[in-house]
C-alpha atoms as a PDB file:
ATOM      1  CA  MET A   1      -0.200   0.023  -0.216  1.00  0.00           C
ATOM      2  CA  LYS A   2       1.153   3.817  -0.832  1.00  0.00           C
ATOM      3  CA  SER A   3       3.015   5.736   2.202  1.00  0.00           C
ATOM      4  CA  LEU A   4       0.327   8.766   3.380  1.00  0.00           C
ATOM      5  CA  THR A   5       0.580  10.829   6.427  1.00  0.00           C
ATOM      6  CA  GLU A   6      -2.069  11.183   8.751  1.00  0.00           C
ATOM      7  CA  ASN A   7      -2.609  14.502  11.172  1.00  0.00           C
ATOM      8  CA  ASP A   8      -5.131  14.404  13.846  1.00  0.00           C
ATOM      9  CA  ASN A   9      -6.560  11.452  11.893  1.00  0.00           C
ATOM     10  CA  LYS A  10      -7.049  12.413   8.623  1.00  0.00           C
ATOM     11  CA  VAL A  11      -5.303  11.322   5.982  1.00  0.00           C
ATOM     12  CA  ALA A  12      -3.005  13.633   4.436  1.00  0.00           C
ATOM     13  CA  LEU A  13      -2.618  12.479   0.435  1.00  0.00           C
ATOM     14  CA  HIS A  14       0.291  13.362  -2.081  1.00  0.00           C
ATOM     15  CA  ILE A  15      -0.808  14.785  -4.935  1.00  0.00           C
ATOM     16  CA  ALA A  16       0.583  15.765  -8.424  1.00  0.00           C
ATOM     17  CA  ILE A  17      -0.547  18.130 -10.812  1.00  0.00           C
ATOM     18  CA  LEU A  18      -0.476  18.270 -14.388  1.00  0.00           C
ATOM     19  CA  THR A  19      -0.804  21.307 -16.291  1.00  0.00           C
ATOM     20  CA  ILE A  20      -1.920  20.462 -20.335  1.00  0.00           C
ATOM     21  CA  HIS A  21      -1.451  23.280 -22.425  1.00  0.00           C
ATOM     22  CA  ASP A  22       1.305  24.499 -25.498  1.00  0.00           C
ATOM     23  CA  THR A  23       1.992  27.654 -24.275  1.00  0.00           C
ATOM     24  CA  ARG A  24       2.038  27.459 -20.195  1.00  0.00           C
ATOM     25  CA  THR A  25       5.202  28.284 -18.372  1.00  0.00           C
ATOM     26  CA  GLN A  26       6.104  28.867 -14.696  1.00  0.00           C
ATOM     27  CA  GLU A  27       5.233  32.320 -14.839  1.00  0.00           C
ATOM     28  CA  ASN A  28       1.678  32.128 -16.219  1.00  0.00           C
ATOM     29  CA  ASP A  29       0.356  28.524 -15.096  1.00  0.00           C
ATOM     30  CA  SER A  30      -2.070  30.782 -13.039  1.00  0.00           C
ATOM     31  CA  SER A  31      -4.808  26.972 -12.767  1.00  0.00           C
ATOM     32  CA  GLY A  32      -1.761  24.704 -12.055  1.00  0.00           C
ATOM     33  CA  ARG A  33      -0.557  27.361  -9.483  1.00  0.00           C
ATOM     34  CA  TYR A  34      -4.175  27.492  -8.180  1.00  0.00           C
ATOM     35  CA  LEU A  35      -4.355  24.027  -7.551  1.00  0.00           C
ATOM     36  CA  ALA A  36      -1.259  23.746  -5.703  1.00  0.00           C
ATOM     37  CA  GLN A  37      -1.903  26.032  -3.221  1.00  0.00           C
ATOM     38  CA  ALA A  38      -5.778  24.179  -2.670  1.00  0.00           C
ATOM     39  CA  VAL A  39      -4.126  21.177  -2.390  1.00  0.00           C
ATOM     40  CA  ALA A  40      -1.522  22.450   0.689  1.00  0.00           C
ATOM     41  CA  ASP A  41      -4.043  24.528   1.994  1.00  0.00           C
ATOM     42  CA  SER A  42      -6.017  21.426   2.680  1.00  0.00           C
ATOM     43  CA  GLY A  43      -3.736  19.468   4.000  1.00  0.00           C
ATOM     44  CA  HIS A  44      -2.263  17.552   1.405  1.00  0.00           C
ATOM     45  CA  LYS A  45       1.179  17.494  -0.286  1.00  0.00           C
ATOM     46  CA  VAL A  46       1.659  18.580  -3.548  1.00  0.00           C
ATOM     47  CA  ALA A  47       3.692  15.406  -4.414  1.00  0.00           C
ATOM     48  CA  GLY A  48       5.149  16.987  -7.854  1.00  0.00           C
ATOM     49  CA  GLN A  49       4.285  19.262 -10.486  1.00  0.00           C
ATOM     50  CA  ALA A  50       4.632  19.744 -14.127  1.00  0.00           C
ATOM     51  CA  ILE A  51       3.611  21.628 -17.367  1.00  0.00           C
ATOM     52  CA  CYS A  52       3.714  20.016 -20.509  1.00  0.00           C
ATOM     53  CA  PRO A  53       2.391  20.325 -23.900  1.00  0.00           C
ATOM     54  CA  ASP A  54      -1.303  19.107 -25.277  1.00  0.00           C
ATOM     55  CA  ASN A  55       0.378  15.768 -26.454  1.00  0.00           C
ATOM     56  CA  ARG A  56      -0.712  12.523 -26.100  1.00  0.00           C
ATOM     57  CA  TYR A  57       2.674  10.873 -25.779  1.00  0.00           C
ATOM     58  CA  ALA A  58       3.669  13.967 -23.606  1.00  0.00           C
ATOM     59  CA  ILE A  59       0.784  13.448 -21.392  1.00  0.00           C
ATOM     60  CA  ARG A  60       1.322   9.702 -21.074  1.00  0.00           C
ATOM     61  CA  LYS A  61       4.611   9.589 -20.131  1.00  0.00           C
ATOM     62  CA  HIS A  62       4.137  12.357 -17.066  1.00  0.00           C
ATOM     63  CA  LEU A  63       1.438  10.652 -16.093  1.00  0.00           C
ATOM     64  CA  SER A  64       2.572   7.001 -16.388  1.00  0.00           C
ATOM     65  CA  ASP A  65       5.810   7.916 -14.499  1.00  0.00           C
ATOM     66  CA  TRP A  66       3.852   9.730 -11.537  1.00  0.00           C
ATOM     67  CA  ILE A  67       1.134   6.612 -11.226  1.00  0.00           C
ATOM     68  CA  LEU A  68       4.133   4.004 -10.716  1.00  0.00           C
ATOM     69  CA  ASP A  69       5.464   6.344  -7.796  1.00  0.00           C
ATOM     70  CA  GLU A  70       4.119   4.458  -4.747  1.00  0.00           C
ATOM     71  CA  ASN A  71       4.502   8.020  -2.959  1.00  0.00           C
ATOM     72  CA  ILE A  72       1.730   9.701  -5.118  1.00  0.00           C
ATOM     73  CA  HIS A  73      -1.969   8.856  -4.375  1.00  0.00           C
ATOM     74  CA  ALA A  74      -3.909  11.112  -6.845  1.00  0.00           C
ATOM     75  CA  ILE A  75      -2.926  13.468  -9.942  1.00  0.00           C
ATOM     76  CA  ILE A  76      -5.131  15.761 -10.755  1.00  0.00           C
ATOM     77  CA  THR A  77      -4.661  17.612 -14.699  1.00  0.00           C
ATOM     78  CA  ASN A  78      -5.604  20.884 -15.853  1.00  0.00           C
ATOM     79  CA  GLY A  79      -5.886  21.642 -19.735  1.00  0.00           C
ATOM     80  CA  GLY A  80      -6.235  19.530 -22.705  1.00  0.00           C
ATOM     81  CA  THR A  81     -10.048  18.583 -21.837  1.00  0.00           C
ATOM     82  CA  GLY A  82     -11.892  20.753 -24.531  1.00  0.00           C
ATOM     83  CA  MET A  83     -13.793  20.144 -27.997  1.00  0.00           C
ATOM     84  CA  ARG A  84     -10.858  21.292 -30.197  1.00  0.00           C
ATOM     85  CA  ASP A  85      -8.980  18.611 -32.294  1.00  0.00           C
ATOM     86  CA  ARG A  86      -6.028  19.686 -30.768  1.00  0.00           C
ATOM     87  CA  ASN A  87      -7.110  18.312 -27.068  1.00  0.00           C
ATOM     88  CA  ALA A  88      -5.410  15.212 -26.050  1.00  0.00           C
ATOM     89  CA  THR A  89      -6.214  15.208 -22.475  1.00  0.00           C
ATOM     90  CA  LEU A  90      -8.692  12.144 -22.525  1.00  0.00           C
ATOM     91  CA  ALA A  91      -7.440  10.376 -25.631  1.00  0.00           C
ATOM     92  CA  ALA A  92      -4.090  10.133 -23.350  1.00  0.00           C
ATOM     93  CA  VAL A  93      -5.667   9.550 -20.336  1.00  0.00           C
ATOM     94  CA  THR A  94      -8.330   7.019 -21.092  1.00  0.00           C
ATOM     95  CA  PRO A  95      -6.218   3.988 -22.179  1.00  0.00           C
ATOM     96  CA  LEU A  96      -4.314   4.369 -18.597  1.00  0.00           C
ATOM     97  CA  LEU A  97      -7.422   4.124 -16.192  1.00  0.00           C
ATOM     98  CA  ASP A  98      -8.076   0.676 -15.015  1.00  0.00           C
ATOM     99  CA  THR A  99     -11.365   2.391 -13.715  1.00  0.00           C
ATOM    100  CA  GLN A 100     -13.150   5.280 -14.774  1.00  0.00           C
ATOM    101  CA  ILE A 101     -15.444   6.836 -11.998  1.00  0.00           C
ATOM    102  CA  ALA A 102     -18.078   7.780 -14.366  1.00  0.00           C
ATOM    103  CA  GLY A 103     -20.325  10.013 -11.762  1.00  0.00           C
ATOM    104  CA  PHE A 104     -17.142  12.635 -12.105  1.00  0.00           C
ATOM    105  CA  GLY A 105     -17.637  13.868 -15.310  1.00  0.00           C
ATOM    106  CA  GLU A 106     -21.444  14.135 -14.886  1.00  0.00           C
ATOM    107  CA  LEU A 107     -21.264  16.034 -11.724  1.00  0.00           C
ATOM    108  CA  PHE A 108     -18.239  18.147 -12.944  1.00  0.00           C
ATOM    109  CA  ARG A 109     -20.994  19.524 -15.635  1.00  0.00           C
ATOM    110  CA  ALA A 110     -23.685  19.742 -13.262  1.00  0.00           C
ATOM    111  CA  TYR A 111     -21.900  22.331 -11.066  1.00  0.00           C
ATOM    112  CA  SER A 112     -20.642  24.017 -14.584  1.00  0.00           C
ATOM    113  CA  PHE A 113     -23.985  24.430 -16.417  1.00  0.00           C
ATOM    114  CA  ALA A 114     -24.983  25.929 -12.724  1.00  0.00           C
ATOM    115  CA  ASP A 115     -21.825  28.535 -13.346  1.00  0.00           C
ATOM    116  CA  ILE A 116     -22.160  29.038 -17.138  1.00  0.00           C
ATOM    117  CA  GLY A 117     -24.870  27.747 -18.154  1.00  0.00           C
ATOM    118  CA  SER A 118     -24.734  25.758 -21.597  1.00  0.00           C
ATOM    119  CA  SER A 119     -21.502  25.964 -22.038  1.00  0.00           C
ATOM    120  CA  GLY A 120     -21.254  23.483 -19.396  1.00  0.00           C
ATOM    121  CA  LEU A 121     -21.626  21.335 -22.047  1.00  0.00           C
ATOM    122  CA  GLN A 122     -18.151  21.472 -23.104  1.00  0.00           C
ATOM    123  CA  SER A 123     -16.783  20.730 -20.124  1.00  0.00           C
ATOM    124  CA  ASN A 124     -15.252  17.102 -20.301  1.00  0.00           C
ATOM    125  CA  ALA A 125     -13.785  16.317 -17.082  1.00  0.00           C
ATOM    126  CA  LEU A 126     -12.618  12.493 -16.382  1.00  0.00           C
ATOM    127  CA  GLY A 127     -11.885  10.962 -13.183  1.00  0.00           C
ATOM    128  CA  GLY A 128     -10.461   7.404 -12.914  1.00  0.00           C
ATOM    129  CA  LYS A 129      -8.024   5.071 -10.672  1.00  0.00           C
ATOM    130  CA  ALA A 130      -4.437   4.043 -12.618  1.00  0.00           C
ATOM    131  CA  ASN A 131      -2.328   1.430 -10.384  1.00  0.00           C
ATOM    132  CA  ASN A 132      -4.204   2.576  -7.333  1.00  0.00           C
ATOM    133  CA  THR A 133      -3.551   6.155  -8.125  1.00  0.00           C
ATOM    134  CA  LEU A 134      -6.483   8.683  -8.367  1.00  0.00           C
ATOM    135  CA  ILE A 135      -6.846  10.911 -11.653  1.00  0.00           C
ATOM    136  CA  PHE A 136      -8.982  13.777 -12.401  1.00  0.00           C
ATOM    137  CA  CYS A 137      -8.541  15.843 -15.355  1.00  0.00           C
ATOM    138  CA  LEU A 138     -10.259  18.879 -15.231  1.00  0.00           C
ATOM    139  CA  PRO A 139     -10.722  21.734 -17.917  1.00  0.00           C
ATOM    140  CA  GLY A 140      -7.615  24.583 -18.137  1.00  0.00           C
ATOM    141  CA  SER A 141      -9.316  27.579 -16.820  1.00  0.00           C
ATOM    142  CA  SER A 142      -8.984  28.879 -13.368  1.00  0.00           C
ATOM    143  CA  GLY A 143     -12.893  28.794 -12.864  1.00  0.00           C
ATOM    144  CA  ALA A 144     -12.738  25.386 -14.098  1.00  0.00           C
ATOM    145  CA  CYS A 145     -10.066  24.269 -11.573  1.00  0.00           C
ATOM    146  CA  ARG A 146     -12.006  26.239  -8.354  1.00  0.00           C
ATOM    147  CA  LEU A 147     -15.200  24.913  -9.173  1.00  0.00           C
ATOM    148  CA  GLY A 148     -14.289  20.688  -9.789  1.00  0.00           C
ATOM    149  CA  TRP A 149     -11.728  21.612  -6.786  1.00  0.00           C
ATOM    150  CA  GLU A 150     -14.153  23.354  -3.979  1.00  0.00           C
ATOM    151  CA  LYS A 151     -17.038  21.789  -5.499  1.00  0.00           C
ATOM    152  CA  ILE A 152     -16.175  18.093  -5.865  1.00  0.00           C
ATOM    153  CA  LEU A 153     -12.299  17.300  -4.949  1.00  0.00           C
ATOM    154  CA  ARG A 154     -11.342  18.987  -1.958  1.00  0.00           C
ATOM    155  CA  GLU A 155     -14.675  16.967   0.056  1.00  0.00           C
ATOM    156  CA  GLN A 156     -13.932  13.723  -1.997  1.00  0.00           C
ATOM    157  CA  PHE A 157      -9.983  14.257  -0.435  1.00  0.00           C
ATOM    158  CA  ASP A 158     -10.864  14.854   2.765  1.00  0.00           C
ATOM    159  CA  SER A 159     -11.043  11.522   4.875  1.00  0.00           C
ATOM    160  CA  HIS A 160     -13.793  13.334   7.525  1.00  0.00           C
ATOM    161  CA  HIS A 161     -16.210  13.912   4.476  1.00  0.00           C
ATOM    162  CA  GLN A 162     -18.968  11.388   5.414  1.00  0.00           C
ATOM    163  CA  PRO A 163     -20.810   9.231   3.953  1.00  0.00           C
ATOM    164  CA  CYS A 164     -17.996   8.181   1.375  1.00  0.00           C
ATOM    165  CA  ASN A 165     -14.214   9.815   0.717  1.00  0.00           C
ATOM    166  CA  PHE A 166     -11.691   8.446  -1.789  1.00  0.00           C
ATOM    167  CA  ALA A 167      -9.101   9.491   0.986  1.00  0.00           C
ATOM    168  CA  SER A 168     -10.147   6.846   3.431  1.00  0.00           C
ATOM    169  CA  ALA A 169      -9.006   4.229   0.891  1.00  0.00           C
ATOM    170  CA  TYR A 170      -5.619   5.047   1.812  1.00  0.00           C
ATOM    171  CA  ALA A 171      -5.659   5.170   5.375  1.00  0.00           C
ATOM    172  CA  LYS A 172      -3.173   3.022   7.196  1.00  0.00           C
ATOM    173  CA  ARG A 173      -5.254  -0.318   8.085  1.00  0.00           C
ATOM    174  CA  ASP A 174      -4.182  -2.300  11.066  1.00  0.00           C
END
Protein backbone atom coordinates (compact mmCIF):
# COMPACT_ATOMS: atom_id res chain seq x y z
CA MET A 1 0.00 0.00 0.00
CA LYS A 2 1.21 3.51 -0.76
CA SER A 3 2.46 5.36 2.30
CA LEU A 4 0.75 8.49 3.56
CA THR A 5 0.72 10.84 6.49
CA GLU A 6 -2.05 11.15 9.05
CA ASN A 7 -2.57 14.34 11.06
CA ASP A 8 -5.27 14.36 13.75
CA ASN A 9 -6.66 11.22 12.10
CA LYS A 10 -7.04 13.12 8.82
CA VAL A 11 -5.42 11.44 5.83
CA ALA A 12 -2.95 13.72 4.03
CA LEU A 13 -2.75 12.59 0.43
CA HIS A 14 0.26 13.09 -1.83
CA ILE A 15 -1.13 14.77 -4.95
CA ALA A 16 0.64 15.60 -8.22
CA ILE A 17 -0.56 18.36 -10.55
CA LEU A 18 -0.07 18.34 -14.32
CA THR A 19 -0.91 21.37 -16.45
CA ILE A 20 -1.51 20.40 -20.07
CA HIS A 21 -1.11 23.34 -22.41
CA ASP A 22 1.08 24.34 -25.34
CA THR A 23 1.87 27.86 -24.13
CA ARG A 24 1.72 27.74 -20.32
CA THR A 25 4.90 28.43 -18.35
CA GLN A 26 5.67 28.53 -14.62
CA GLU A 27 5.02 32.28 -14.75
CA ASN A 28 1.54 32.16 -16.33
CA ASP A 29 0.18 28.82 -15.08
CA SER A 30 -2.52 30.30 -12.84
CA SER A 31 -4.59 27.08 -12.84
CA GLY A 32 -1.69 24.87 -11.76
CA ARG A 33 -0.69 27.44 -9.14
CA TYR A 34 -4.27 27.57 -7.82
CA LEU A 35 -4.52 23.77 -7.57
CA ALA A 36 -1.14 23.46 -5.80
CA GLN A 37 -2.15 26.11 -3.26
CA ALA A 38 -5.59 24.53 -2.73
CA VAL A 39 -4.03 21.09 -2.21
CA ALA A 40 -1.55 22.46 0.34
CA ASP A 41 -4.17 24.60 2.11
CA SER A 42 -6.30 21.47 2.57
CA GLY A 43 -3.49 19.69 4.42
CA HIS A 44 -2.30 17.51 1.56
CA LYS A 45 1.20 17.36 0.07
CA VAL A 46 1.99 18.51 -3.47
CA ALA A 47 4.02 15.48 -4.55
CA GLY A 48 4.87 16.81 -8.00
CA GLN A 49 3.98 19.60 -10.36
CA ALA A 50 4.72 19.90 -14.07
CA ILE A 51 3.62 21.50 -17.32
CA CYS A 52 3.53 19.48 -20.53
CA PRO A 53 2.41 20.14 -24.10
CA ASP A 54 -1.03 19.07 -25.27
CA ASN A 55 0.34 15.90 -26.85
CA ARG A 56 -1.07 12.49 -25.90
CA TYR A 57 2.38 10.87 -25.64
CA ALA A 58 3.87 13.63 -23.48
CA ILE A 59 0.80 13.44 -21.25
CA ARG A 60 1.05 9.64 -20.95
CA LYS A 61 4.76 9.84 -20.07
CA HIS A 62 4.17 12.27 -17.20
CA LEU A 63 1.15 10.35 -15.93
CA SER A 64 2.80 6.92 -16.26
CA ASP A 65 5.79 8.05 -14.20
CA TRP A 66 3.49 9.35 -11.46
CA ILE A 67 1.16 6.33 -11.62
CA LEU A 68 4.18 4.10 -10.94
CA ASP A 69 5.36 6.27 -8.02
CA GLU A 70 4.20 4.55 -4.83
CA ASN A 71 4.31 7.91 -3.00
CA ILE A 72 1.68 9.57 -5.19
CA HIS A 73 -1.95 8.87 -4.27
CA ALA A 74 -3.70 11.17 -6.72
CA ILE A 75 -3.06 13.22 -9.85
CA ILE A 76 -5.03 16.28 -10.94
CA THR A 77 -4.58 17.44 -14.52
CA ASN A 78 -5.82 20.70 -15.93
CA GLY A 79 -6.16 21.57 -19.60
CA GLY A 80 -6.54 19.75 -22.88
CA THR A 81 -10.11 18.59 -22.23
CA GLY A 82 -11.95 20.86 -24.66
CA MET A 83 -13.70 20.16 -27.93
CA ARG A 84 -10.86 21.21 -30.26
CA ASP A 85 -9.06 18.54 -32.25
CA ARG A 86 -5.75 19.53 -30.61
CA ASN A 87 -6.97 18.71 -27.09
CA ALA A 88 -5.46 15.33 -26.23
CA THR A 89 -6.02 14.81 -22.50
CA LEU A 90 -9.00 12.45 -22.65
CA ALA A 91 -7.47 10.38 -25.48
CA ALA A 92 -4.21 10.17 -23.53
CA VAL A 93 -5.66 9.34 -20.11
CA THR A 94 -8.54 6.99 -20.88
CA PRO A 95 -6.37 4.02 -22.00
CA LEU A 96 -4.28 4.33 -18.82
CA LEU A 97 -7.26 3.90 -16.49
CA ASP A 98 -8.05 0.59 -14.83
CA THR A 99 -11.39 2.00 -13.67
CA GLN A 100 -13.34 5.11 -14.62
CA ILE A 101 -15.30 7.08 -12.04
CA ALA A 102 -18.31 7.56 -14.29
CA GLY A 103 -20.13 10.07 -12.12
CA PHE A 104 -17.23 12.52 -11.90
CA GLY A 105 -17.72 14.01 -15.37
CA GLU A 106 -21.47 14.20 -14.95
CA LEU A 107 -21.22 15.89 -11.57
CA PHE A 108 -18.62 18.35 -12.87
CA ARG A 109 -20.85 19.23 -15.84
CA ALA A 110 -23.83 19.75 -13.52
CA TYR A 111 -21.84 22.23 -11.43
CA SER A 112 -20.51 23.84 -14.63
CA PHE A 113 -24.05 24.26 -15.95
CA ALA A 114 -25.05 26.02 -12.72
CA ASP A 115 -21.99 28.27 -13.09
CA ILE A 116 -21.73 28.99 -16.84
CA GLY A 117 -24.96 27.69 -18.38
CA SER A 118 -25.03 25.49 -21.46
CA SER A 119 -21.30 26.11 -22.10
CA GLY A 120 -20.80 23.58 -19.30
CA LEU A 121 -21.72 20.93 -21.85
CA GLN A 122 -18.19 21.27 -23.24
CA SER A 123 -16.57 20.56 -19.86
CA ASN A 124 -15.05 17.16 -20.55
CA ALA A 125 -13.91 16.32 -17.03
CA LEU A 126 -12.77 12.74 -16.37
CA GLY A 127 -12.05 10.72 -13.24
CA GLY A 128 -10.57 7.29 -12.74
CA LYS A 129 -8.01 5.07 -11.11
CA ALA A 130 -4.80 3.51 -12.45
CA ASN A 131 -2.48 1.30 -10.37
CA ASN A 132 -4.25 2.48 -7.20
CA THR A 133 -3.65 6.14 -8.15
CA LEU A 134 -6.66 8.44 -8.48
CA ILE A 135 -6.63 10.62 -11.62
CA PHE A 136 -8.89 13.61 -12.20
CA CYS A 137 -8.80 15.64 -15.42
CA LEU A 138 -10.20 19.16 -15.24
CA PRO A 139 -10.56 21.84 -17.91
CA GLY A 140 -7.71 24.35 -17.90
CA SER A 141 -9.42 27.58 -16.92
CA SER A 142 -8.87 28.84 -13.39
CA GLY A 143 -12.63 28.96 -12.90
CA ALA A 144 -13.04 25.32 -13.90
CA CYS A 145 -10.17 24.26 -11.63
CA ARG A 146 -11.65 26.22 -8.73
CA LEU A 147 -15.08 24.69 -9.38
CA GLY A 148 -13.69 21.14 -9.58
CA TRP A 149 -11.65 21.57 -6.41
CA GLU A 150 -14.19 23.43 -4.29
CA LYS A 151 -17.30 21.50 -5.31
CA ILE A 152 -15.94 17.95 -5.65
CA LEU A 153 -12.29 17.16 -5.00
CA ARG A 154 -11.75 19.04 -1.72
CA GLU A 155 -14.57 17.06 -0.08
CA GLN A 156 -13.63 13.75 -1.66
CA PHE A 157 -9.97 14.13 -0.62
CA ASP A 158 -11.07 14.88 2.97
CA SER A 159 -11.00 11.67 5.01
CA HIS A 160 -13.58 13.15 7.40
CA HIS A 161 -16.18 13.73 4.67
CA GLN A 162 -19.19 11.43 5.11
CA PRO A 163 -20.76 9.15 4.09
CA CYS A 164 -17.75 8.33 1.88
CA ASN A 165 -14.62 9.83 0.36
CA PHE A 166 -11.64 8.84 -1.76
CA ALA A 167 -9.05 9.58 0.94
CA SER A 168 -10.19 6.83 3.31
CA ALA A 169 -9.03 4.20 0.84
CA TYR A 170 -5.47 5.29 1.61
CA ALA A 171 -5.74 5.19 5.41
CA LYS A 172 -3.32 2.84 7.14
CA ARG A 173 -4.92 -0.46 7.94
CA ASP A 174 -4.07 -2.55 10.99
